[in-house]
Amino acid sequence: MIHHYQELVRYLSRTLGDRQAAADVAQESVLRLLERKSLAAIEQPRAFLFRTAINLSVDRYRRAQVRADEPLESLGHEELDDTCDPQVQACQAQQLRLLKRALDELPPVCRQAFLMRKVEGCSHAEIAESIGISRDMVEKHIVNAMKHCRMRLRRWAR
């Protein structure tokens, strides 16, 4: 499955016209397959991976269309209502603490690559150059960090 990753990113880059969006969709696709609960073997993993990525791309496009159709005046009003609720604030603060705890468990390079991508919005090439590792390693670190954080947050949420 992982050996199809680069091919998937190239395909999605052509389809979406955005390498970063393609990398994000590819990462999410790999994570979804890794987190499958079904024990049944996938007969054609490449096809399954590509179909998952295509479905995620369509979902991403639809969400973007809905947001584009939403009037500017309505944006942010729901968020303002939620952020005033002390219970919501407490829940968000707890989630943030748990996420920080999960990130603290990661190896330093993995954590740095993840934070540079997800918080700072750096491209994989920028991260690779900054840290001094290959782009492939950047992608693997980000996927591993996302998987680790999801696993830990789910475990701690019980």
Protein backbone atom coordinates (compact mmCIF):
# COMPACT_ATOMS: atom_id res chain seq x y z
CA MET A 1 0.00 0.00 0.00
CA ILE A 2 2.74 2.47 0.95
CA HIS A 3 4.63 1.69 -2.25
CA HIS A 4 1.66 3.09 -4.22
CA TYR A 5 1.78 6.36 -2.29
CA GLN A 6 3.99 8.36 -4.69
CA GLU A 7 1.97 7.17 -7.68
CA LEU A 8 -1.20 8.24 -5.89
CA VAL A 9 0.22 11.69 -5.08
CA ARG A 10 1.22 12.19 -8.74
CA TYR A 11 -2.24 11.11 -9.92
CA LEU A 12 -4.01 13.37 -7.42
CA SER A 13 -1.71 16.28 -8.29
CA ARG A 14 -2.79 16.03 -11.91
CA THR A 15 -6.44 15.61 -10.94
CA LEU A 16 -6.62 18.32 -8.26
CA GLY A 17 -4.04 20.68 -9.74
CA ASP A 18 -2.48 21.19 -6.30
CA ARG A 19 0.40 19.06 -5.01
CA GLN A 20 -0.21 19.94 -1.35
CA ALA A 21 -3.90 19.09 -1.56
CA ALA A 22 -2.92 15.88 -3.33
CA ALA A 23 -0.47 14.98 -0.56
CA ASP A 24 -3.13 15.69 2.09
CA VAL A 25 -5.72 13.51 0.34
CA ALA A 26 -3.17 10.74 -0.20
CA GLN A 27 -2.19 10.81 3.49
CA GLU A 28 -5.80 10.67 4.58
CA SER A 29 -6.41 7.76 2.18
CA VAL A 30 -3.49 5.77 3.57
CA LEU A 31 -4.62 6.49 7.13
CA ARG A 32 -8.14 5.33 6.37
CA LEU A 33 -6.82 2.06 5.01
CA LEU A 34 -4.46 1.57 7.95
CA GLU A 35 -7.30 2.20 10.41
CA ARG A 36 -9.75 -0.22 8.77
CA LYS A 37 -11.55 -2.34 11.31
CA SER A 38 -12.38 -5.09 8.83
CA LEU A 39 -10.01 -8.03 8.93
CA ALA A 40 -10.90 -9.10 5.41
CA ALA A 41 -7.95 -8.91 3.04
CA ILE A 42 -8.11 -6.37 0.25
CA GLU A 43 -7.79 -8.20 -3.05
CA GLN A 44 -6.58 -5.17 -5.00
CA PRO A 45 -4.96 -2.75 -2.55
CA ARG A 46 -3.87 -0.27 -5.23
CA ALA A 47 -7.38 0.02 -6.63
CA PHE A 48 -8.84 0.28 -3.13
CA LEU A 49 -6.35 3.03 -2.21
CA PHE A 50 -7.09 5.00 -5.38
CA ARG A 51 -10.86 4.65 -4.94
CA THR A 52 -10.57 5.89 -1.36
CA ALA A 53 -8.53 8.88 -2.54
CA ILE A 54 -10.99 9.69 -5.32
CA ASN A 55 -13.90 9.57 -2.87
CA LEU A 56 -12.05 11.86 -0.46
CA SER A 57 -11.27 14.26 -3.32
CA VAL A 58 -14.93 14.40 -4.29
CA ASP A 59 -15.90 15.05 -0.65
CA ARG A 60 -13.29 17.82 -0.42
CA TYR A 61 -14.61 19.41 -3.63
CA ARG A 62 -18.22 19.27 -2.40
CA ARG A 63 -17.30 20.87 0.92
CA ALA A 64 -15.47 23.64 -0.93
CA GLN A 65 -18.52 24.23 -3.12
CA VAL A 66 -20.82 24.49 -0.11
CA ARG A 67 -18.48 26.97 1.55
CA ALA A 68 -18.22 29.01 -1.65
CA ASP A 69 -22.02 29.25 -1.83
CA GLU A 70 -22.37 30.37 1.80
CA PRO A 71 -22.84 34.14 2.23
CA LEU A 72 -20.02 35.95 3.99
CA GLU A 73 -22.34 37.29 6.68
CA SER A 74 -23.11 33.79 7.92
CA LEU A 75 -19.48 32.70 8.26
CA GLY A 76 -18.23 32.49 11.80
CA HIS A 77 -21.54 33.02 13.59
CA GLU A 78 -21.83 29.40 14.68
CA GLU A 79 -18.23 29.49 15.88
CA LEU A 80 -18.90 32.57 18.00
CA ASP A 81 -21.83 30.87 19.68
CA ASP A 82 -19.79 27.73 20.41
CA THR A 83 -16.76 29.58 21.76
CA CYS A 84 -18.90 31.42 24.32
CA ASP A 85 -20.12 28.13 25.79
CA PRO A 86 -17.90 27.20 28.78
CA GLN A 87 -18.55 23.50 28.27
CA VAL A 88 -17.37 23.69 24.65
CA GLN A 89 -14.32 25.69 25.74
CA ALA A 90 -13.45 23.10 28.39
CA CYS A 91 -13.85 20.25 25.92
CA GLN A 92 -11.65 22.01 23.37
CA ALA A 93 -9.01 22.76 26.00
CA GLN A 94 -8.97 19.09 27.05
CA GLN A 95 -8.63 17.96 23.41
CA LEU A 96 -5.75 20.39 22.95
CA ARG A 97 -4.00 19.08 26.08
CA LEU A 98 -4.40 15.50 24.90
CA LEU A 99 -3.11 16.37 21.44
CA LYS A 100 -0.07 18.07 22.95
CA ARG A 101 0.54 15.01 25.10
CA ALA A 102 0.33 12.73 22.04
CA LEU A 103 2.68 15.00 20.09
CA ASP A 104 5.14 14.99 22.99
CA GLU A 105 5.39 11.20 22.65
CA LEU A 106 6.63 11.46 19.05
CA PRO A 107 10.30 11.48 18.08
CA PRO A 108 11.51 15.09 17.64
CA VAL A 109 11.91 14.96 13.84
CA CYS A 110 8.48 13.38 13.39
CA ARG A 111 6.86 15.99 15.65
CA GLN A 112 8.68 18.84 13.89
CA ALA A 113 7.63 17.67 10.42
CA PHE A 114 4.02 17.31 11.56
CA LEU A 115 3.88 20.74 13.21
CA MET A 116 5.57 22.46 10.27
CA ARG A 117 2.97 20.99 7.90
CA LYS A 118 -0.20 21.23 9.98
CA VAL A 119 0.46 24.36 12.05
CA GLU A 120 2.82 26.43 9.93
CA GLY A 121 1.46 25.22 6.55
CA CYS A 122 4.89 24.47 5.10
CA SER A 123 5.15 22.35 1.98
CA HIS A 124 6.82 18.96 2.10
CA ALA A 125 9.75 20.38 0.13
CA GLU A 126 10.19 23.23 2.62
CA ILE A 127 10.07 20.82 5.54
CA ALA A 128 12.55 18.45 3.90
CA GLU A 129 14.98 21.29 3.27
CA SER A 130 14.57 22.76 6.76
CA ILE A 131 15.02 19.48 8.63
CA GLY A 132 17.52 17.96 6.20
CA ILE A 133 15.60 14.82 5.25
CA SER A 134 14.02 13.57 2.03
CA ARG A 135 10.48 14.51 0.99
CA ASP A 136 9.54 10.84 1.25
CA MET A 137 10.64 10.83 4.89
CA VAL A 138 8.67 14.03 5.52
CA GLU A 139 5.53 12.35 4.17
CA LYS A 140 6.15 9.23 6.25
CA HIS A 141 6.72 11.26 9.41
CA ILE A 142 3.49 13.21 8.87
CA VAL A 143 1.47 10.04 8.23
CA ASN A 144 2.97 8.37 11.30
CA ALA A 145 2.29 11.43 13.46
CA MET A 146 -1.33 11.64 12.32
CA LYS A 147 -1.83 7.93 12.93
CA HIS A 148 -0.24 8.13 16.38
CA CYS A 149 -2.30 11.16 17.43
CA ARG A 150 -5.56 9.62 16.26
CA MET A 151 -4.79 6.36 18.03
CA ARG A 152 -3.87 8.09 21.30
CA LEU A 153 -6.85 10.49 21.24
CA ARG A 154 -9.22 7.61 20.66
CA ARG A 155 -7.67 5.59 23.47
CA TRP A 156 -7.72 8.50 25.91
CA ALA A 157 -11.30 9.45 25.00
CA ARG A 158 -12.64 6.16 26.40
